[in-house]
Structures are given as C-alpha cells and as structure tokens.
Amino acid sequence: MCILPATFTGSPRYMHARTQDAMTYVRKYGRPDLFITFTCNTKWYAIAKELMPGQSAYDRPDLIARVYHLKLGKLMDVITKGQVLGAVCCRMHTIECQKRGLPHAHILIWLCDKIEATEIDHLISAEILDPSAERELYEIVTTNKIHGPCGSHYNYTSCHNNEGKCTRQYPRDFVSETITGSDGYPLYRRRSPAEGGFTAVVKGHQVDNRWVVPYCPLLAKAFNARINVEYCHSVRSIKYGCKYINKGTDAAMFGIRQEGSVDEIQDFLAGRVINSTEGPWHIFSFPIHLCRQDEFSKTLLYTDVPSCYVRTKKNTWARRKCGANVEGYPGVKKDATLGRVFTVPPS
C-alpha cells in the first residue's frame, strides 16, 4: 500500500484534515454565519486592458491568476478589516479552478455578533433591482447573478439531472418575506411582479426574481463579479459548507486490481485534472514577498535573484554576504551564481 499523506496540498487526506479544521472552528465559535462563493470575472478592466488584439482572457491564464489573487485579497480585506458585513471572528477559504478555467473561492465567515433573522434582507438579496434607482447594480445583477434561465423552453439544460430537473433548484418559488427554516438555507424574499418585483431580459428571455442567485448588493457592486452569499442557519448547512469548501477537485477513475493493492499517489495522479489557470496559480506560489521586503530585488529577473541572494533554512531569500559590490546599491553583493527556471512548452 502506498499512502499520499495529508502534508501533500490538495490530496484527499489534506482536504479531510481541512474539513476537520473547519469543524474545530464550529466547536469553538458556533455555526458560520455566511457562505460566500467568489468567482473571477474575465471582463474586469484589469484583465481586459492587458489583452492583445484578438486575445481572450482564456489565452492569458497567468493574467487571470494574478488579477484574481489581488481581487481575492482585496475582498478578504473588505470583509475582515473593513467589517462591511460586521466584525469578523474568524474565517477560512479555499481556492478551486473551474473546468473552463476560472478560479473561484469558497469562503466561510464567522461573525462576532450572529445575524438575526430580521437582518438577512439588509445583507443578502435575491431580487432584481429597480433599474431607474440602481442602474449600475441592476446591470451587474442581470449580468452575473441570473441562473440560466434553464429548461427545455429556454434551450439550456446543462444543469439538469436525468429526471429533467434543475440541480440548482431553479426557478425558485416566489416568497413575500424571507423565511428561515430548520432544514437548510433560508427562503429569501423573491417578490412576484404582482407584488412589485422587477423583471429583466436575459439572453433574449424575460426573467423575474425566481431566477436570481442570492448576493450581497454591497459586495456585488464593489467587485462586479459573481459573488454568491448564503446565510448559514441550520446544522445541515454548516456540515455542507464545511465539507463543500474542502471537497477538492473533481476526479474519477476505474480499473481492476488485486485486493489490498492500493496506490493513493497513482490514484490521485490518474484522476487529477489541472486546467490552464490552476497551473499558473501553483507555479506563482502565492504569496510572493521578496519584492515587498527588498527594493533592490525589483530590479532583477527571477533567474538573476540567486546571484545576489541565498536561500535560507527558513525557506526565505537573504542578501549574499560575499561577492562584488553592486554599484548604486550599498550593501548589495553579487557573485557568479546562475539561476534557472523550467521551460514550459506552449502546447
């Protein structure tokens, strides 16, 4: 038997350990208050402005990874330091990459003051806004927060199961007031057009509030992205959230082997899929700190760093103490050490 240990990031044992970490937070701080999914938007200006004529964002997985990493850091600062949702007691998140190439984060938030049922509508909405009052947010919601619409009538069934039903349970029912049940997530307010709810035209079809994915208006407007925000209410949603954010990537394999012959490493490699965005994400090894700690390092290519720095036992870079002085940079020394990075073929 060959074991893939929990020390290997992304392995099944690693993900199981992270799930246990999440449940440790639950034992200490109680249920998480919010379950947030933050997906990269390829139409962000920071991505679009760097594309060459004829390029799409999917041609630049390195650009997607870098911009999303910065946006995710900003989101976490807004939530934890800015406390826009309330004072944060603790949080945890994990990064995944969709098969089509876009990274997204699953985030669990524990607030110091638990959200009351009467406060849900102030933080989370599942409705289309009045376009005359909130035009910018209306455009963001109708672009990023509408599911489908799906079904044979709409010629979109990729989210349907073998029984022909939407696995995301859309369209939802109209609800006049938010209801917090005991068996899962609450039923958010979704007013019908007769009750004053608004509609929009999406992909050539008229849609109403039954198709809206729950979101936080403040975060949606600030980041212009698909940010799904759910209120965690029951034990069922707590267990689902803690397991879901640590479920790992999709994998499948089958075969015939002798009883007792288990190779977890080979099973992991055979079933693992790394798309074009996840590759750069791991290669970049976020976060990178040297350029923040040493201004001189910003003048070097990565292959030149070993000539002026040495790797310490703490896995950090430190300036060389021996070598020729670098003109214009007191205290910086350089020797003949060469650096190298692996070549990556375009195909």
Protein backbone atom coordinates (compact mmCIF):
# COMPACT_ATOMS: atom_id res chain seq x y z
CA MET A 1 0.00 0.00 0.00
CA CYS A 2 1.28 3.45 -0.96
CA ILE A 3 -0.12 6.41 1.04
CA LEU A 4 -0.50 10.02 -0.15
CA PRO A 5 -0.14 11.91 3.16
CA ALA A 6 -2.01 14.98 4.40
CA THR A 7 1.19 17.02 4.02
CA PHE A 8 0.63 17.00 0.24
CA THR A 9 -1.56 20.02 -0.58
CA GLY A 10 -4.75 19.01 -2.36
CA SER A 11 -4.64 15.31 -1.53
CA PRO A 12 -7.80 13.64 -0.16
CA ARG A 13 -6.20 13.32 3.29
CA TYR A 14 -5.22 17.03 3.16
CA MET A 15 -8.78 18.06 2.28
CA HIS A 16 -10.17 15.82 5.04
CA ALA A 17 -7.84 17.50 7.54
CA ARG A 18 -9.02 20.95 6.41
CA THR A 19 -12.63 19.83 6.92
CA GLN A 20 -11.75 18.85 10.48
CA ASP A 21 -10.15 22.28 10.93
CA ALA A 22 -13.42 23.90 9.85
CA MET A 23 -15.41 21.82 12.33
CA THR A 24 -12.93 22.88 15.03
CA TYR A 25 -13.98 26.48 14.36
CA VAL A 26 -17.59 25.36 14.71
CA ARG A 27 -16.90 23.79 18.11
CA LYS A 28 -15.19 26.97 19.30
CA TYR A 29 -17.23 29.75 17.68
CA GLY A 30 -20.50 28.04 16.76
CA ARG A 31 -22.00 27.90 13.29
CA PRO A 32 -20.53 30.06 10.50
CA ASP A 33 -22.78 32.96 9.54
CA LEU A 34 -22.06 33.35 5.84
CA PHE A 35 -21.05 31.05 3.00
CA ILE A 36 -19.58 33.08 0.12
CA THR A 37 -18.51 31.95 -3.35
CA PHE A 38 -16.37 34.48 -5.26
CA THR A 39 -15.73 33.78 -8.96
CA CYS A 40 -13.30 35.54 -11.28
CA ASN A 41 -14.80 37.90 -13.88
CA THR A 42 -12.94 37.84 -17.20
CA LYS A 43 -14.44 41.25 -18.05
CA TRP A 44 -12.63 43.05 -15.24
CA TYR A 45 -10.81 46.07 -16.63
CA ALA A 46 -7.54 44.92 -15.05
CA ILE A 47 -7.69 41.84 -17.30
CA ALA A 48 -9.22 43.36 -20.43
CA LYS A 49 -6.70 46.21 -20.71
CA GLU A 50 -3.74 43.79 -20.87
CA LEU A 51 -5.09 41.66 -23.71
CA MET A 52 -3.64 41.97 -27.19
CA PRO A 53 -5.98 42.42 -30.18
CA GLY A 54 -7.69 39.11 -30.90
CA GLN A 55 -6.86 37.64 -27.48
CA SER A 56 -9.42 36.45 -24.96
CA ALA A 57 -8.88 36.21 -21.21
CA TYR A 58 -8.60 32.43 -21.53
CA ASP A 59 -5.47 32.93 -23.65
CA ARG A 60 -3.80 34.52 -20.61
CA PRO A 61 -4.22 32.14 -17.65
CA ASP A 62 -1.28 33.85 -15.94
CA LEU A 63 -3.13 37.17 -16.08
CA ILE A 64 -6.34 35.63 -14.73
CA ALA A 65 -4.44 34.06 -11.82
CA ARG A 66 -2.60 37.27 -10.87
CA VAL A 67 -5.62 39.59 -11.08
CA TYR A 68 -7.90 37.18 -9.24
CA HIS A 69 -5.31 36.76 -6.48
CA LEU A 70 -5.26 40.54 -5.96
CA LYS A 71 -9.06 40.80 -6.08
CA LEU A 72 -9.46 37.96 -3.57
CA GLY A 73 -7.01 39.65 -1.19
CA LYS A 74 -8.99 42.89 -1.51
CA LEU A 75 -12.27 41.07 -0.84
CA MET A 76 -10.87 39.47 2.30
CA ASP A 77 -9.60 42.86 3.50
CA VAL A 78 -13.00 44.44 2.88
CA ILE A 79 -14.73 41.68 4.85
CA THR A 80 -12.25 41.25 7.71
CA LYS A 81 -10.63 44.68 8.12
CA GLY A 82 -13.40 46.84 6.66
CA GLN A 83 -16.04 44.80 8.52
CA VAL A 84 -18.68 45.66 5.92
CA LEU A 85 -20.69 42.59 6.98
CA GLY A 86 -19.91 43.01 10.67
CA ALA A 87 -16.96 42.28 12.94
CA VAL A 88 -15.34 39.00 11.83
CA CYS A 89 -14.40 36.48 14.49
CA CYS A 90 -12.65 34.05 12.12
CA ARG A 91 -12.80 32.83 8.54
CA MET A 92 -11.45 30.17 6.21
CA HIS A 93 -11.39 29.80 2.45
CA THR A 94 -10.19 27.50 -0.31
CA ILE A 95 -9.43 28.11 -3.99
CA GLU A 96 -10.73 25.98 -6.85
CA CYS A 97 -10.46 26.29 -10.61
CA GLN A 98 -13.43 25.50 -12.81
CA LYS A 99 -13.00 23.17 -15.76
CA ARG A 100 -13.48 26.14 -18.09
CA GLY A 101 -10.51 27.82 -16.42
CA LEU A 102 -11.85 30.40 -13.96
CA PRO A 103 -10.67 30.34 -10.32
CA HIS A 104 -13.18 30.77 -7.53
CA ALA A 105 -13.02 30.84 -3.75
CA HIS A 106 -15.35 29.24 -1.21
CA ILE A 107 -15.34 31.30 1.98
CA LEU A 108 -16.84 30.66 5.42
CA ILE A 109 -17.26 33.68 7.69
CA TRP A 110 -17.86 33.64 11.45
CA LEU A 111 -19.16 36.98 12.77
CA CYS A 112 -18.70 38.16 16.35
CA ASP A 113 -22.37 39.10 16.50
CA LYS A 114 -24.66 36.50 14.97
CA ILE A 115 -27.02 37.65 12.23
CA GLU A 116 -30.64 37.87 13.32
CA ALA A 117 -33.42 36.73 11.01
CA THR A 118 -34.65 40.32 10.67
CA GLU A 119 -31.20 41.43 9.41
CA ILE A 120 -30.89 38.99 6.49
CA ASP A 121 -32.59 41.26 3.96
CA HIS A 122 -30.11 44.04 4.77
CA LEU A 123 -27.15 41.81 3.82
CA ILE A 124 -28.49 39.39 1.23
CA SER A 125 -30.85 39.94 -1.70
CA ALA A 126 -32.37 37.56 -4.22
CA GLU A 127 -34.19 40.14 -6.27
CA ILE A 128 -33.71 42.22 -9.42
CA LEU A 129 -33.36 45.87 -8.50
CA ASP A 130 -35.20 48.89 -9.83
CA PRO A 131 -33.16 49.93 -12.91
CA SER A 132 -34.19 53.57 -12.54
CA ALA A 133 -32.85 53.75 -8.95
CA GLU A 134 -29.79 51.42 -9.12
CA ARG A 135 -28.81 51.20 -12.78
CA GLU A 136 -25.20 50.07 -12.20
CA LEU A 137 -26.14 47.36 -9.71
CA TYR A 138 -29.06 46.34 -11.92
CA GLU A 139 -26.62 45.68 -14.79
CA ILE A 140 -24.26 43.74 -12.52
CA VAL A 141 -27.08 41.55 -11.17
CA THR A 142 -28.63 40.82 -14.55
CA THR A 143 -25.19 40.00 -15.99
CA ASN A 144 -23.70 37.95 -13.14
CA LYS A 145 -26.48 36.83 -10.79
CA ILE A 146 -29.13 35.22 -13.02
CA HIS A 147 -29.20 31.43 -13.23
CA GLY A 148 -29.81 30.21 -16.77
CA PRO A 149 -32.64 30.55 -17.42
CA CYS A 150 -32.71 26.78 -17.86
CA GLY A 151 -35.21 24.23 -19.10
CA SER A 152 -36.37 22.90 -22.44
CA HIS A 153 -38.32 26.11 -23.02
CA TYR A 154 -35.08 28.12 -22.77
CA ASN A 155 -32.89 25.63 -24.69
CA TYR A 156 -30.46 25.34 -21.76
CA THR A 157 -30.33 22.08 -19.81
CA SER A 158 -26.69 21.55 -18.81
CA CYS A 159 -27.63 21.91 -15.11
CA HIS A 160 -30.42 19.31 -15.33
CA ASN A 161 -30.31 15.76 -13.97
CA ASN A 162 -31.59 12.59 -15.62
CA GLU A 163 -35.12 13.43 -14.45
CA GLY A 164 -35.05 16.73 -16.28
CA LYS A 165 -34.95 18.85 -13.11
CA CYS A 166 -32.51 21.66 -12.38
CA THR A 167 -29.87 20.54 -9.88
CA ARG A 168 -29.71 24.13 -8.56
CA GLN A 169 -33.48 24.04 -7.92
CA TYR A 170 -34.33 26.89 -10.28
CA PRO A 171 -36.72 28.51 -10.84
CA ARG A 172 -37.41 29.08 -7.12
CA ASP A 173 -40.82 29.95 -5.73
CA PHE A 174 -41.96 33.49 -5.14
CA VAL A 175 -41.69 34.45 -1.46
CA SER A 176 -43.16 37.64 0.01
CA GLU A 177 -40.89 37.67 3.09
CA THR A 178 -37.65 35.90 3.95
CA ILE A 179 -38.27 32.65 5.84
CA THR A 180 -35.61 30.92 7.96
CA GLY A 181 -36.27 27.19 8.11
CA SER A 182 -34.59 24.50 10.16
CA ASP A 183 -33.62 22.18 7.28
CA GLY A 184 -31.13 24.29 5.31
CA TYR A 185 -30.66 27.75 3.85
CA PRO A 186 -33.45 30.30 4.31
CA LEU A 187 -36.01 31.09 1.64
CA TYR A 188 -35.03 34.58 0.58
CA ARG A 189 -37.57 37.21 -0.36
CA ARG A 190 -38.46 36.92 -4.05
CA ARG A 191 -41.41 39.15 -4.82
CA SER A 192 -43.51 38.46 -7.89
CA PRO A 193 -44.19 41.20 -10.47
CA ALA A 194 -47.69 41.48 -8.99
CA GLU A 195 -46.12 42.32 -5.60
CA GLY A 196 -43.78 44.94 -7.04
CA GLY A 197 -40.89 42.70 -8.12
CA PHE A 198 -38.89 43.75 -11.19
CA THR A 199 -38.06 41.76 -14.30
CA ALA A 200 -35.24 41.82 -16.86
CA VAL A 201 -34.42 40.46 -20.29
CA VAL A 202 -31.53 37.97 -20.10
CA LYS A 203 -30.30 36.09 -23.18
CA GLY A 204 -33.45 37.12 -25.02
CA HIS A 205 -35.81 35.81 -22.31
CA GLN A 206 -37.91 37.66 -19.74
CA VAL A 207 -36.84 36.60 -16.23
CA ASP A 208 -38.08 37.50 -12.77
CA ASN A 209 -36.87 37.08 -9.19
CA ARG A 210 -37.28 33.30 -9.30
CA TRP A 211 -34.01 33.08 -11.28
CA VAL A 212 -31.82 35.32 -9.11
CA VAL A 213 -28.82 33.79 -7.28
CA PRO A 214 -28.54 35.27 -3.72
CA TYR A 215 -25.97 38.07 -3.48
CA CYS A 216 -24.79 40.90 -1.25
CA PRO A 217 -25.55 44.22 -3.02
CA LEU A 218 -22.54 45.96 -1.45
CA LEU A 219 -20.03 43.29 -2.49
CA ALA A 220 -21.58 42.80 -5.93
CA LYS A 221 -21.31 46.50 -6.71
CA ALA A 222 -17.79 46.81 -5.29
CA PHE A 223 -16.29 43.87 -7.22
CA ASN A 224 -18.57 43.43 -10.26
CA ALA A 225 -18.32 39.67 -10.09
CA ARG A 226 -20.29 36.54 -9.31
CA ILE A 227 -20.33 36.66 -5.51
CA ASN A 228 -22.91 34.25 -4.16
CA VAL A 229 -23.68 34.95 -0.49
CA GLU A 230 -25.71 32.49 1.61
CA TYR A 231 -26.82 32.71 5.23
CA CYS A 232 -25.92 29.60 7.26
CA HIS A 233 -28.80 28.77 9.57
CA SER A 234 -29.07 25.06 10.28
CA VAL A 235 -26.74 22.22 11.25
CA ARG A 236 -27.30 20.77 7.80
CA SER A 237 -25.96 23.90 6.09
CA ILE A 238 -22.98 24.04 8.49
CA LYS A 239 -21.86 20.50 7.66
CA TYR A 240 -22.45 21.09 3.95
CA GLY A 241 -20.46 24.32 3.96
CA CYS A 242 -17.50 22.92 5.89
CA LYS A 243 -17.33 19.86 3.64
CA TYR A 244 -18.02 21.68 0.38
CA ILE A 245 -15.23 24.25 0.62
CA ASN A 246 -12.78 21.38 1.23
CA LYS A 247 -14.14 18.86 -1.26
CA GLY A 248 -11.21 19.24 -3.64
CA THR A 249 -11.31 18.98 -7.41
CA ASP A 250 -13.41 16.54 -9.45
CA ALA A 251 -11.71 13.21 -10.12
CA ALA A 252 -12.80 9.82 -11.42
CA MET A 253 -11.08 6.58 -12.39
CA PHE A 254 -11.90 2.90 -12.65
CA GLY A 255 -9.99 -0.32 -13.13
CA ILE A 256 -9.42 -3.84 -11.88
CA ARG A 257 -6.65 -4.55 -9.39
CA GLN A 258 -5.70 -7.12 -6.80
CA GLU A 259 -7.23 -6.92 -3.36
CA GLY A 260 -5.01 -4.97 -0.97
CA SER A 261 -3.10 -3.31 -3.81
CA VAL A 262 -3.75 0.38 -3.11
CA ASP A 263 -1.61 3.18 -4.50
CA GLU A 264 -3.09 6.51 -3.35
CA ILE A 265 -0.43 8.52 -5.19
CA GLN A 266 -1.19 6.89 -8.55
CA ASP A 267 -4.94 7.17 -7.93
CA PHE A 268 -4.52 10.90 -7.28
CA LEU A 269 -2.41 11.46 -10.40
CA ALA A 270 -4.66 9.38 -12.64
CA GLY A 271 -7.81 11.24 -11.62
CA ARG A 272 -6.40 14.75 -11.34
CA VAL A 273 -7.16 17.46 -13.89
CA ILE A 274 -5.19 20.73 -13.88
CA ASN A 275 -6.55 23.41 -16.19
CA SER A 276 -4.71 26.36 -17.71
CA THR A 277 -5.44 28.70 -14.77
CA GLU A 278 -4.71 26.32 -11.92
CA GLY A 279 -1.26 25.61 -13.34
CA PRO A 280 -0.03 29.24 -13.12
CA TRP A 281 -1.72 29.59 -9.72
CA HIS A 282 0.54 26.85 -8.30
CA ILE A 283 3.60 27.98 -10.29
CA PHE A 284 3.31 31.52 -8.90
CA SER A 285 3.18 30.04 -5.38
CA PHE A 286 1.18 32.98 -4.00
CA PRO A 287 2.05 34.92 -1.93
CA ILE A 288 5.47 36.24 -3.06
CA HIS A 289 7.17 38.52 -0.54
CA LEU A 290 10.75 39.30 -1.63
CA CYS A 291 9.89 42.38 -3.73
CA ARG A 292 7.98 43.80 -0.77
CA GLN A 293 10.86 43.25 1.62
CA ASP A 294 13.80 44.35 -0.55
CA GLU A 295 13.54 47.19 -3.09
CA PHE A 296 16.68 46.05 -4.96
CA SER A 297 15.05 42.74 -5.85
CA LYS A 298 12.55 44.62 -8.07
CA THR A 299 15.43 45.36 -10.48
CA LEU A 300 16.12 41.64 -11.08
CA LEU A 301 14.60 38.91 -13.17
CA TYR A 302 13.88 35.76 -11.19
CA THR A 303 16.80 33.98 -12.88
CA ASP A 304 19.15 36.71 -11.55
CA VAL A 305 17.98 36.50 -7.92
CA PRO A 306 20.38 33.66 -6.90
CA SER A 307 23.39 35.80 -7.90
CA CYS A 308 22.55 38.34 -5.18
CA TYR A 309 20.55 36.27 -2.69
CA VAL A 310 20.82 32.90 -0.97
CA ARG A 311 18.03 30.62 0.19
CA THR A 312 17.96 30.23 3.98
CA LYS A 313 16.92 27.24 6.08
CA LYS A 314 13.66 29.09 6.78
CA ASN A 315 12.89 28.94 3.04
CA THR A 316 13.34 32.70 2.56
CA TRP A 317 15.74 34.83 0.50
CA ALA A 318 18.64 36.70 2.18
CA ARG A 319 21.28 39.00 0.66
CA ARG A 320 24.68 37.48 -0.08
CA LYS A 321 27.48 38.45 2.27
CA CYS A 322 30.31 37.71 -0.19
CA GLY A 323 30.88 38.89 -3.74
CA ALA A 324 31.41 42.08 -5.72
CA ASN A 325 29.63 45.24 -4.67
CA VAL A 326 26.72 46.32 -6.88
CA GLU A 327 27.19 49.92 -7.98
CA GLY A 328 24.50 52.25 -6.70
CA TYR A 329 23.17 49.79 -4.11
CA PRO A 330 25.17 49.89 -0.87
CA GLY A 331 25.22 46.58 0.97
CA VAL A 332 24.26 44.51 -2.08
CA LYS A 333 26.80 41.94 -3.30
CA LYS A 334 26.78 39.79 -6.41
CA ASP A 335 28.68 36.65 -7.44
CA ALA A 336 28.72 34.32 -10.43
CA THR A 337 25.88 32.04 -9.28
CA LEU A 338 23.41 31.28 -12.08
CA GLY A 339 19.66 30.85 -11.76
CA ARG A 340 17.31 28.81 -13.93
CA VAL A 341 13.57 28.30 -14.35
CA PHE A 342 11.89 25.38 -16.09
CA THR A 343 10.80 25.91 -19.68
CA VAL A 344 7.10 25.44 -20.39
CA PRO A 345 6.15 24.39 -23.95
CA PRO A 346 3.19 26.28 -25.47
CA SER A 347 1.27 23.08 -26.13
